[in-house]
Amino acid sequence: MRRIGSTGPRAMARREGFTLVELLLAMTLTGVLGVAAVRLFVVQHQAFVRQGEGIRRTQNARAGFDLMTREMRNAAYDPRGTASAGVTTWSAGAFGWTADLDADRTADGDGERVEYMLAEDGTLIRREDDVDVAVAEHVTELRFTYFADAEGTPATSADEIELVAVRLAYDTPPGVAGATLETRVALRNRMWR
């Protein structure tokens, strides 16, 4: 009598290992999962790199903005009133001034003639004594608005300027939020004339 589903040596020899179809199916599934894992890694890495670049650009723009606004507070500094220090450039896209920072009665020493402007390539430029230095990159907008007082009366001449509204916008990589930095800077030496 013959048993169905026998477990003899012949039956065991036929059941050991995998069939070719099973091997091909396992290899295909492993390949698909491997490709998906690699794609996930690549996408995550790209997001990480974009975020890092966005952080770098934000820090760069903030550092340049802080330097510019801090220096603007000393515009037209003339402690003795003999240096003829004052605002030299006041357009929507550039702001410049002289100051007697070393109190030597002239406004022609190091760092006493400064101007900020935006270059065509999106670089915030600090010009000191006709030497340009890049302060921040990826800037999309730099705008100055001039006021004669804290109430917001528009200035009509360089001598009237007491308050400057500054707006700086910068670009970030795709997928990273950009920002606009804004403040109002009181020219300390003009407020108390």
N, C-alpha and C. Protein backbone atom coordinates (compact mmCIF):
# COMPACT_ATOMS: atom_id res chain seq x y z
N MET A 1 0.82 -1.16 0.00
CA MET A 1 0.00 0.00 0.00
C MET A 1 0.88 1.25 0.00
N ARG A 2 0.47 2.17 -0.77
CA ARG A 2 1.24 3.39 -0.93
C ARG A 2 0.55 4.53 -0.19
N ARG A 3 1.34 5.31 0.56
CA ARG A 3 0.76 6.41 1.32
C ARG A 3 0.89 7.72 0.54
N ILE A 4 -0.12 8.50 0.67
CA ILE A 4 -0.09 9.82 0.05
C ILE A 4 0.63 10.76 1.02
N GLY A 5 1.53 11.59 0.48
CA GLY A 5 2.30 12.52 1.32
C GLY A 5 3.37 11.80 2.11
N SER A 6 3.98 10.83 1.50
CA SER A 6 4.99 10.05 2.21
C SER A 6 6.21 10.90 2.50
N THR A 7 6.94 10.49 3.49
CA THR A 7 8.11 11.22 3.93
C THR A 7 9.38 10.41 3.72
N GLY A 8 9.39 9.62 2.78
CA GLY A 8 10.55 8.77 2.52
C GLY A 8 11.70 9.56 1.91
N PRO A 9 12.84 8.94 1.65
CA PRO A 9 14.02 9.61 1.12
C PRO A 9 13.78 10.28 -0.22
N ARG A 10 12.98 9.67 -1.09
CA ARG A 10 12.71 10.28 -2.39
C ARG A 10 11.88 11.56 -2.23
N ALA A 11 10.91 11.52 -1.39
CA ALA A 11 10.05 12.68 -1.18
C ALA A 11 10.85 13.81 -0.55
N MET A 12 11.74 13.50 0.36
CA MET A 12 12.56 14.54 1.00
C MET A 12 13.51 15.17 -0.01
N ALA A 13 14.04 14.42 -0.92
CA ALA A 13 14.97 14.94 -1.91
C ALA A 13 14.27 15.94 -2.81
N ARG A 14 13.00 15.71 -3.10
CA ARG A 14 12.27 16.64 -3.95
C ARG A 14 11.90 17.93 -3.22
N ARG A 15 11.79 17.97 -1.92
CA ARG A 15 11.33 19.14 -1.17
C ARG A 15 12.47 20.02 -0.65
N GLU A 16 13.69 19.63 -0.72
CA GLU A 16 14.79 20.44 -0.21
C GLU A 16 15.09 21.59 -1.17
N GLY A 17 15.41 22.83 -0.60
CA GLY A 17 15.77 23.99 -1.40
C GLY A 17 14.55 24.73 -1.93
N PHE A 18 14.85 25.73 -2.81
CA PHE A 18 13.81 26.58 -3.38
C PHE A 18 13.74 26.33 -4.87
N THR A 19 12.59 26.58 -5.42
CA THR A 19 12.45 26.46 -6.86
C THR A 19 13.01 27.73 -7.51
N LEU A 20 13.23 27.66 -8.79
CA LEU A 20 13.74 28.81 -9.53
C LEU A 20 12.76 29.98 -9.45
N VAL A 21 11.49 29.73 -9.51
CA VAL A 21 10.47 30.78 -9.42
C VAL A 21 10.53 31.46 -8.05
N GLU A 22 10.69 30.68 -7.00
CA GLU A 22 10.77 31.25 -5.65
C GLU A 22 12.03 32.12 -5.50
N LEU A 23 13.14 31.67 -6.03
CA LEU A 23 14.37 32.45 -5.97
C LEU A 23 14.24 33.77 -6.75
N LEU A 24 13.67 33.72 -7.93
CA LEU A 24 13.49 34.93 -8.73
C LEU A 24 12.56 35.92 -8.03
N LEU A 25 11.50 35.42 -7.42
CA LEU A 25 10.56 36.27 -6.70
C LEU A 25 11.25 36.93 -5.49
N ALA A 26 12.03 36.18 -4.74
CA ALA A 26 12.74 36.73 -3.58
C ALA A 26 13.76 37.78 -4.01
N MET A 27 14.48 37.53 -5.10
CA MET A 27 15.46 38.49 -5.58
C MET A 27 14.77 39.77 -6.06
N THR A 28 13.65 39.65 -6.73
CA THR A 28 12.91 40.82 -7.21
C THR A 28 12.42 41.66 -6.04
N LEU A 29 11.84 41.02 -5.04
CA LEU A 29 11.35 41.75 -3.87
C LEU A 29 12.51 42.43 -3.12
N THR A 30 13.63 41.75 -2.98
CA THR A 30 14.79 42.34 -2.33
C THR A 30 15.30 43.54 -3.11
N GLY A 31 15.32 43.43 -4.43
CA GLY A 31 15.77 44.54 -5.26
C GLY A 31 14.84 45.75 -5.15
N VAL A 32 13.54 45.51 -5.19
CA VAL A 32 12.58 46.60 -5.07
C VAL A 32 12.72 47.29 -3.72
N LEU A 33 12.83 46.52 -2.65
CA LEU A 33 13.00 47.10 -1.31
C LEU A 33 14.33 47.85 -1.21
N GLY A 34 15.37 47.34 -1.82
CA GLY A 34 16.67 48.02 -1.80
C GLY A 34 16.63 49.35 -2.53
N VAL A 35 15.99 49.37 -3.70
CA VAL A 35 15.86 50.62 -4.46
C VAL A 35 15.04 51.63 -3.66
N ALA A 36 13.97 51.19 -3.04
CA ALA A 36 13.14 52.11 -2.23
C ALA A 36 13.94 52.66 -1.06
N ALA A 37 14.74 51.84 -0.41
CA ALA A 37 15.54 52.30 0.72
C ALA A 37 16.59 53.31 0.27
N VAL A 38 17.22 53.07 -0.87
CA VAL A 38 18.22 54.00 -1.39
C VAL A 38 17.57 55.33 -1.76
N ARG A 39 16.41 55.27 -2.42
CA ARG A 39 15.70 56.51 -2.78
C ARG A 39 15.31 57.30 -1.54
N LEU A 40 14.85 56.62 -0.51
CA LEU A 40 14.48 57.29 0.74
C LEU A 40 15.71 57.97 1.35
N PHE A 41 16.82 57.28 1.35
CA PHE A 41 18.06 57.87 1.87
C PHE A 41 18.46 59.10 1.08
N VAL A 42 18.40 59.03 -0.25
CA VAL A 42 18.79 60.15 -1.10
C VAL A 42 17.88 61.35 -0.84
N VAL A 43 16.57 61.13 -0.75
CA VAL A 43 15.63 62.23 -0.51
C VAL A 43 15.89 62.86 0.86
N GLN A 44 16.13 62.05 1.87
CA GLN A 44 16.41 62.57 3.20
C GLN A 44 17.73 63.35 3.22
N HIS A 45 18.72 62.85 2.52
CA HIS A 45 20.01 63.54 2.45
C HIS A 45 19.87 64.90 1.76
N GLN A 46 19.11 64.94 0.66
CA GLN A 46 18.90 66.21 -0.04
C GLN A 46 18.18 67.22 0.86
N ALA A 47 17.19 66.77 1.60
CA ALA A 47 16.47 67.66 2.53
C ALA A 47 17.43 68.17 3.61
N PHE A 48 18.28 67.30 4.11
CA PHE A 48 19.26 67.69 5.13
C PHE A 48 20.21 68.75 4.58
N VAL A 49 20.69 68.56 3.36
CA VAL A 49 21.61 69.52 2.74
C VAL A 49 20.90 70.86 2.51
N ARG A 50 19.64 70.83 2.01
CA ARG A 50 18.89 72.07 1.79
C ARG A 50 18.67 72.81 3.10
N GLN A 51 18.32 72.10 4.16
CA GLN A 51 18.11 72.74 5.45
C GLN A 51 19.41 73.38 5.95
N GLY A 52 20.52 72.68 5.79
CA GLY A 52 21.81 73.24 6.21
C GLY A 52 22.16 74.49 5.43
N GLU A 53 21.90 74.49 4.13
CA GLU A 53 22.16 75.67 3.31
C GLU A 53 21.22 76.81 3.71
N GLY A 54 19.97 76.49 4.01
CA GLY A 54 19.03 77.51 4.46
C GLY A 54 19.46 78.14 5.77
N ILE A 55 19.95 77.33 6.69
CA ILE A 55 20.44 77.85 7.97
C ILE A 55 21.66 78.75 7.75
N ARG A 56 22.56 78.32 6.88
CA ARG A 56 23.75 79.12 6.59
C ARG A 56 23.37 80.48 5.99
N ARG A 57 22.43 80.46 5.05
CA ARG A 57 22.01 81.72 4.43
C ARG A 57 21.31 82.63 5.43
N THR A 58 20.51 82.05 6.31
CA THR A 58 19.82 82.85 7.33
C THR A 58 20.82 83.49 8.28
N GLN A 59 21.78 82.71 8.75
CA GLN A 59 22.79 83.26 9.64
C GLN A 59 23.61 84.35 8.95
N ASN A 60 23.94 84.12 7.69
CA ASN A 60 24.70 85.08 6.91
C ASN A 60 23.92 86.40 6.78
N ALA A 61 22.65 86.31 6.42
CA ALA A 61 21.83 87.52 6.26
C ALA A 61 21.66 88.25 7.59
N ARG A 62 21.42 87.52 8.65
CA ARG A 62 21.23 88.16 9.96
C ARG A 62 22.51 88.84 10.45
N ALA A 63 23.64 88.20 10.22
CA ALA A 63 24.91 88.80 10.65
C ALA A 63 25.18 90.09 9.88
N GLY A 64 24.96 90.07 8.56
CA GLY A 64 25.14 91.28 7.76
C GLY A 64 24.17 92.37 8.15
N PHE A 65 22.92 92.00 8.40
CA PHE A 65 21.89 92.96 8.81
C PHE A 65 22.24 93.58 10.15
N ASP A 66 22.66 92.76 11.10
CA ASP A 66 23.03 93.27 12.43
C ASP A 66 24.23 94.22 12.36
N LEU A 67 25.24 93.85 11.58
CA LEU A 67 26.41 94.71 11.42
C LEU A 67 26.00 96.06 10.83
N MET A 68 25.20 96.01 9.77
CA MET A 68 24.79 97.24 9.10
C MET A 68 23.97 98.14 10.04
N THR A 69 22.98 97.59 10.71
CA THR A 69 22.13 98.43 11.57
C THR A 69 22.89 98.96 12.79
N ARG A 70 23.82 98.16 13.30
CA ARG A 70 24.64 98.63 14.44
C ARG A 70 25.51 99.81 14.01
N GLU A 71 26.12 99.70 12.83
CA GLU A 71 26.96 100.80 12.34
C GLU A 71 26.13 102.03 12.00
N MET A 72 24.92 101.82 11.49
CA MET A 72 24.08 102.96 11.12
C MET A 72 23.77 103.85 12.32
N ARG A 73 23.71 103.28 13.49
CA ARG A 73 23.40 104.08 14.68
C ARG A 73 24.44 105.18 14.92
N ASN A 74 25.67 104.95 14.44
CA ASN A 74 26.74 105.94 14.62
C ASN A 74 26.88 106.88 13.43
N ALA A 75 25.97 106.81 12.48
CA ALA A 75 26.05 107.69 11.31
C ALA A 75 26.03 109.15 11.76
N ALA A 76 26.86 109.94 11.14
CA ALA A 76 26.94 111.38 11.38
C ALA A 76 27.47 111.72 12.77
N TYR A 77 28.17 110.80 13.40
CA TYR A 77 28.75 111.08 14.72
C TYR A 77 29.81 112.16 14.59
N ASP A 78 29.64 113.24 15.32
CA ASP A 78 30.56 114.39 15.25
C ASP A 78 30.57 115.03 16.64
N PRO A 79 31.38 114.48 17.57
CA PRO A 79 31.30 114.92 18.97
C PRO A 79 31.63 116.39 19.19
N ARG A 80 32.47 116.95 18.34
CA ARG A 80 32.86 118.36 18.53
C ARG A 80 32.13 119.29 17.56
N GLY A 81 31.41 118.70 16.61
CA GLY A 81 30.69 119.53 15.65
C GLY A 81 31.58 120.21 14.64
N THR A 82 32.79 119.70 14.44
CA THR A 82 33.74 120.35 13.54
C THR A 82 34.13 119.49 12.35
N ALA A 83 33.68 118.25 12.30
CA ALA A 83 34.12 117.33 11.25
C ALA A 83 33.23 117.33 10.02
N SER A 84 32.13 118.05 10.06
CA SER A 84 31.15 118.04 8.96
C SER A 84 30.67 116.64 8.64
N ALA A 85 30.54 115.82 9.67
CA ALA A 85 30.04 114.45 9.48
C ALA A 85 28.55 114.50 9.18
N GLY A 86 28.10 113.59 8.35
CA GLY A 86 26.68 113.56 8.01
C GLY A 86 26.35 112.45 7.05
N VAL A 87 25.13 112.44 6.58
CA VAL A 87 24.65 111.46 5.61
C VAL A 87 25.13 111.88 4.23
N THR A 88 25.76 110.96 3.51
CA THR A 88 26.30 111.27 2.19
C THR A 88 25.48 110.63 1.06
N THR A 89 24.88 109.49 1.31
CA THR A 89 24.06 108.79 0.32
C THR A 89 22.77 108.37 0.99
N TRP A 90 21.65 108.71 0.38
CA TRP A 90 20.37 108.31 0.95
C TRP A 90 19.35 108.04 -0.14
N SER A 91 19.49 106.89 -0.75
CA SER A 91 18.54 106.46 -1.77
C SER A 91 17.78 105.25 -1.24
N ALA A 92 16.84 104.77 -2.01
CA ALA A 92 16.06 103.61 -1.58
C ALA A 92 16.93 102.36 -1.49
N GLY A 93 18.03 102.33 -2.25
CA GLY A 93 18.86 101.13 -2.28
C GLY A 93 20.24 101.27 -1.68
N ALA A 94 20.56 102.44 -1.15
CA ALA A 94 21.90 102.63 -0.57
C ALA A 94 21.83 103.69 0.52
N PHE A 95 22.69 103.52 1.52
CA PHE A 95 22.78 104.48 2.61
C PHE A 95 24.24 104.64 2.98
N GLY A 96 24.72 105.88 3.00
CA GLY A 96 26.11 106.14 3.33
C GLY A 96 26.24 107.34 4.24
N TRP A 97 27.34 107.40 4.98
CA TRP A 97 27.55 108.48 5.93
C TRP A 97 29.03 108.64 6.25
N THR A 98 29.33 109.76 6.88
CA THR A 98 30.64 109.97 7.46
C THR A 98 30.46 110.18 8.95
N ALA A 99 31.51 109.91 9.71
CA ALA A 99 31.45 110.06 11.17
C ALA A 99 32.87 110.32 11.68
N ASP A 100 32.96 111.07 12.74
CA ASP A 100 34.25 111.34 13.38
C ASP A 100 34.40 110.39 14.58
N LEU A 101 34.66 109.11 14.28
CA LEU A 101 34.68 108.09 15.33
C LEU A 101 35.87 108.23 16.28
N ASP A 102 36.98 108.76 15.79
CA ASP A 102 38.16 108.91 16.66
C ASP A 102 38.29 110.30 17.27
N ALA A 103 37.27 111.13 17.05
CA ALA A 103 37.20 112.48 17.65
C ALA A 103 38.42 113.34 17.33
N ASP A 104 38.93 113.20 16.10
CA ASP A 104 40.09 114.01 15.70
C ASP A 104 39.68 115.24 14.88
N ARG A 105 38.40 115.56 14.89
CA ARG A 105 37.82 116.72 14.22
C ARG A 105 37.76 116.59 12.71
N THR A 106 37.99 115.35 12.18
CA THR A 106 37.83 115.08 10.76
C THR A 106 37.06 113.78 10.61
N ALA A 107 36.44 113.60 9.47
CA ALA A 107 35.71 112.36 9.18
C ALA A 107 36.39 111.63 8.03
N ASP A 108 37.73 111.53 8.12
CA ASP A 108 38.46 110.87 7.05
C ASP A 108 39.39 109.76 7.54
N GLY A 109 39.18 109.27 8.75
CA GLY A 109 39.99 108.17 9.27
C GLY A 109 39.42 106.83 8.85
N ASP A 110 40.06 105.77 9.31
CA ASP A 110 39.59 104.41 8.99
C ASP A 110 38.19 104.20 9.54
N GLY A 111 37.30 103.72 8.67
CA GLY A 111 35.94 103.42 9.07
C GLY A 111 35.05 104.63 9.26
N GLU A 112 35.51 105.79 8.86
CA GLU A 112 34.71 107.00 9.08
C GLU A 112 33.91 107.42 7.84
N ARG A 113 34.05 106.69 6.75
CA ARG A 113 33.27 106.92 5.54
C ARG A 113 32.72 105.57 5.10
N VAL A 114 31.43 105.33 5.34
CA VAL A 114 30.84 104.01 5.13
C VAL A 114 29.58 104.14 4.28
N GLU A 115 29.36 103.12 3.44
CA GLU A 115 28.13 103.06 2.64
C GLU A 115 27.72 101.59 2.51
N TYR A 116 26.42 101.34 2.59
CA TYR A 116 25.86 100.00 2.37
C TYR A 116 24.99 100.03 1.13
N MET A 117 25.11 98.99 0.30
CA MET A 117 24.32 98.90 -0.93
C MET A 117 24.19 97.44 -1.33
N LEU A 118 23.30 97.17 -2.26
CA LEU A 118 23.09 95.82 -2.78
C LEU A 118 23.68 95.73 -4.18
N ALA A 119 24.58 94.79 -4.38
CA ALA A 119 25.18 94.58 -5.70
C ALA A 119 24.18 93.83 -6.59
N GLU A 120 24.40 93.86 -7.89
CA GLU A 120 23.49 93.21 -8.84
C GLU A 120 23.42 91.69 -8.63
N ASP A 121 24.49 91.09 -8.11
CA ASP A 121 24.50 89.64 -7.91
C ASP A 121 23.86 89.22 -6.59
N GLY A 122 23.24 90.15 -5.85
CA GLY A 122 22.56 89.81 -4.61
C GLY A 122 23.47 89.81 -3.39
N THR A 123 24.59 90.51 -3.48
CA THR A 123 25.52 90.60 -2.36
C THR A 123 25.34 91.94 -1.65
N LEU A 124 25.18 91.88 -0.35
CA LEU A 124 25.14 93.11 0.45
C LEU A 124 26.58 93.59 0.59
N ILE A 125 26.83 94.82 0.13
CA ILE A 125 28.18 95.38 0.10
C ILE A 125 28.32 96.46 1.16
N ARG A 126 29.44 96.42 1.87
CA ARG A 126 29.83 97.49 2.78
C ARG A 126 31.04 98.17 2.15
N ARG A 127 30.85 99.42 1.77
CA ARG A 127 31.95 100.18 1.17
C ARG A 127 32.53 101.09 2.24
N GLU A 128 33.81 100.92 2.50
CA GLU A 128 34.52 101.76 3.46
C GLU A 128 35.72 102.36 2.77
N ASP A 129 35.75 103.67 2.69
CA ASP A 129 36.88 104.36 2.05
C ASP A 129 37.16 103.80 0.66
N ASP A 130 36.11 103.61 -0.14
CA ASP A 130 36.17 103.13 -1.53
C ASP A 130 36.64 101.68 -1.66
N VAL A 131 36.61 100.90 -0.59
CA VAL A 131 36.93 99.48 -0.65
C VAL A 131 35.65 98.70 -0.34
N ASP A 132 35.23 97.83 -1.29
CA ASP A 132 34.01 97.06 -1.12
C ASP A 132 34.29 95.73 -0.44
N VAL A 133 33.45 95.40 0.53
CA VAL A 133 33.54 94.13 1.24
C VAL A 133 32.16 93.49 1.23
N ALA A 134 32.10 92.21 0.83
CA ALA A 134 30.84 91.48 0.84
C ALA A 134 30.47 91.16 2.28
N VAL A 135 29.25 91.53 2.66
CA VAL A 135 28.80 91.33 4.03
C VAL A 135 27.82 90.16 4.11
N ALA A 136 26.96 90.01 3.10
CA ALA A 136 25.98 88.92 3.07
C ALA A 136 25.67 88.59 1.61
N GLU A 137 25.33 87.33 1.37
CA GLU A 137 25.01 86.88 0.01
C GLU A 137 23.55 86.46 -0.05
N HIS A 138 23.07 86.25 -1.27
CA HIS A 138 21.70 85.78 -1.52
C HIS A 138 20.65 86.77 -1.04
N VAL A 139 20.98 88.05 -1.05
CA VAL A 139 20.03 89.09 -0.66
C VAL A 139 19.20 89.44 -1.89
N THR A 140 17.88 89.43 -1.75
CA THR A 140 16.99 89.73 -2.87
C THR A 140 16.46 91.15 -2.82
N GLU A 141 16.49 91.77 -1.65
CA GLU A 141 15.99 93.14 -1.54
C GLU A 141 16.69 93.86 -0.39
N LEU A 142 17.07 95.10 -0.65
CA LEU A 142 17.58 95.99 0.39
C LEU A 142 16.91 97.33 0.16
N ARG A 143 16.15 97.79 1.15
CA ARG A 143 15.42 99.04 0.98
C ARG A 143 15.55 99.91 2.22
N PHE A 144 15.84 101.17 2.00
CA PHE A 144 15.93 102.16 3.07
C PHE A 144 14.81 103.18 2.89
N THR A 145 14.17 103.54 3.99
CA THR A 145 13.17 104.60 4.00
C THR A 145 13.58 105.58 5.07
N TYR A 146 13.54 106.86 4.75
CA TYR A 146 14.11 107.89 5.63
C TYR A 146 13.02 108.76 6.24
N PHE A 147 13.18 109.04 7.55
CA PHE A 147 12.20 109.84 8.28
C PHE A 147 12.90 110.98 9.01
N ALA A 148 12.17 112.07 9.16
CA ALA A 148 12.70 113.25 9.84
C ALA A 148 12.46 113.20 11.33
N ASP A 149 11.59 112.30 11.79
CA ASP A 149 11.30 112.19 13.22
C ASP A 149 10.74 110.80 13.52
N ALA A 150 10.53 110.53 14.80
CA ALA A 150 10.04 109.23 15.23
C ALA A 150 8.57 109.01 14.87
N GLU A 151 7.85 110.08 14.53
CA GLU A 151 6.44 109.96 14.16
C GLU A 151 6.26 109.49 12.72
N GLY A 152 7.32 109.45 11.95
CA GLY A 152 7.23 108.95 10.58
C GLY A 152 7.11 110.01 9.51
N THR A 153 7.47 111.23 9.81
CA THR A 153 7.46 112.28 8.79
C THR A 153 8.59 112.02 7.80
N PRO A 154 8.28 111.90 6.51
CA PRO A 154 9.34 111.62 5.53
C PRO A 154 10.38 112.74 5.51
N ALA A 155 11.64 112.34 5.42
CA ALA A 155 12.74 113.31 5.32
C ALA A 155 12.80 113.84 3.90
N THR A 156 13.07 115.14 3.76
CA THR A 156 13.17 115.75 2.44
C THR A 156 14.61 116.14 2.09
N SER A 157 15.52 116.02 3.06
CA SER A 157 16.93 116.30 2.80
C SER A 157 17.78 115.42 3.72
N ALA A 158 19.04 115.28 3.37
CA ALA A 158 19.95 114.44 4.17
C ALA A 158 20.10 114.97 5.59
N ASP A 159 20.04 116.27 5.74
CA ASP A 159 20.20 116.88 7.07
C ASP A 159 19.02 116.60 8.00
N GLU A 160 17.87 116.27 7.45
CA GLU A 160 16.68 116.01 8.27
C GLU A 160 16.60 114.58 8.79
N ILE A 161 17.37 113.67 8.24
CA ILE A 161 17.22 112.25 8.56
C ILE A 161 17.59 111.98 10.02
N GLU A 162 16.62 111.43 10.75
CA GLU A 162 16.85 111.03 12.14
C GLU A 162 16.56 109.55 12.34
N LEU A 163 15.75 108.97 11.46
CA LEU A 163 15.32 107.58 11.60
C LEU A 163 15.33 106.94 10.22
N VAL A 164 15.84 105.71 10.15
CA VAL A 164 15.90 104.99 8.88
C VAL A 164 15.25 103.62 9.06
N ALA A 165 14.25 103.34 8.23
CA ALA A 165 13.64 102.01 8.21
C ALA A 165 14.43 101.17 7.22
N VAL A 166 14.84 99.98 7.65
CA VAL A 166 15.67 99.10 6.82
C VAL A 166 14.92 97.79 6.61
N ARG A 167 14.91 97.35 5.36
CA ARG A 167 14.27 96.07 5.01
C ARG A 167 15.26 95.27 4.18
N LEU A 168 15.54 94.04 4.60
CA LEU A 168 16.45 93.15 3.87
C LEU A 168 15.76 91.80 3.72
N ALA A 169 15.59 91.37 2.48
CA ALA A 169 15.02 90.05 2.20
C ALA A 169 16.11 89.19 1.59
N TYR A 170 16.08 87.90 1.91
CA TYR A 170 17.10 87.01 1.37
C TYR A 170 16.48 85.73 0.86
N ASP A 171 17.19 85.07 -0.03
CA ASP A 171 16.73 83.88 -0.72
C ASP A 171 17.27 82.64 -0.02
N THR A 172 16.48 81.57 -0.03
CA THR A 172 16.91 80.29 0.52
C THR A 172 16.69 79.20 -0.53
N PRO A 173 17.25 78.02 -0.32
CA PRO A 173 17.04 76.93 -1.28
C PRO A 173 15.56 76.54 -1.36
N PRO A 174 15.14 75.90 -2.46
CA PRO A 174 13.75 75.45 -2.58
C PRO A 174 13.36 74.54 -1.41
N GLY A 175 12.18 74.77 -0.88
CA GLY A 175 11.70 73.95 0.23
C GLY A 175 12.06 74.49 1.60
N VAL A 176 12.85 75.58 1.64
CA VAL A 176 13.24 76.19 2.91
C VAL A 176 12.67 77.61 2.92
N ALA A 177 11.98 77.95 3.98
CA ALA A 177 11.33 79.26 4.06
C ALA A 177 12.36 80.38 4.11
N GLY A 178 12.19 81.36 3.25
CA GLY A 178 13.02 82.56 3.28
C GLY A 178 12.45 83.54 4.29
N ALA A 179 13.08 84.66 4.42
CA ALA A 179 12.59 85.62 5.40
C ALA A 179 12.94 87.03 4.99
N THR A 180 12.33 87.96 5.68
CA THR A 180 12.60 89.37 5.52
C THR A 180 12.93 89.94 6.89
N LEU A 181 14.02 90.66 6.97
CA LEU A 181 14.43 91.30 8.22
C LEU A 181 14.11 92.78 8.12
N GLU A 182 13.47 93.31 9.13
CA GLU A 182 13.09 94.72 9.11
C GLU A 182 13.35 95.34 10.47
N THR A 183 13.76 96.60 10.47
CA THR A 183 13.91 97.35 11.70
C THR A 183 13.93 98.84 11.38
N ARG A 184 13.82 99.63 12.41
CA ARG A 184 13.99 101.08 12.29
C ARG A 184 15.21 101.46 13.12
N VAL A 185 16.10 102.20 12.53
CA VAL A 185 17.35 102.58 13.19
C VAL A 185 17.33 104.08 13.45
N ALA A 186 17.45 104.44 14.71
CA ALA A 186 17.55 105.85 15.07
C ALA A 186 19.02 106.26 14.98
N LEU A 187 19.28 107.30 14.22
CA LEU A 187 20.64 107.82 14.12
C LEU A 187 20.89 108.62 15.40
N ARG A 188 21.57 108.00 16.34
CA ARG A 188 21.74 108.55 17.69
C ARG A 188 22.18 110.01 17.70
N ASN A 189 23.07 110.32 16.80
CA ASN A 189 23.67 111.63 16.80
C ASN A 189 22.80 112.69 16.14
N ARG A 190 21.67 112.25 15.58
CA ARG A 190 20.74 113.17 14.94
C ARG A 190 19.50 113.39 15.80
N MET A 191 19.23 112.46 16.69
CA MET A 191 17.99 112.52 17.48
C MET A 191 18.00 113.68 18.48
N TRP A 192 19.15 114.09 18.94
CA TRP A 192 19.21 115.05 20.05
C TRP A 192 19.82 116.39 19.64
N ARG A 193 19.65 116.76 18.39
CA ARG A 193 20.21 118.03 17.91
C ARG A 193 19.44 119.20 18.45
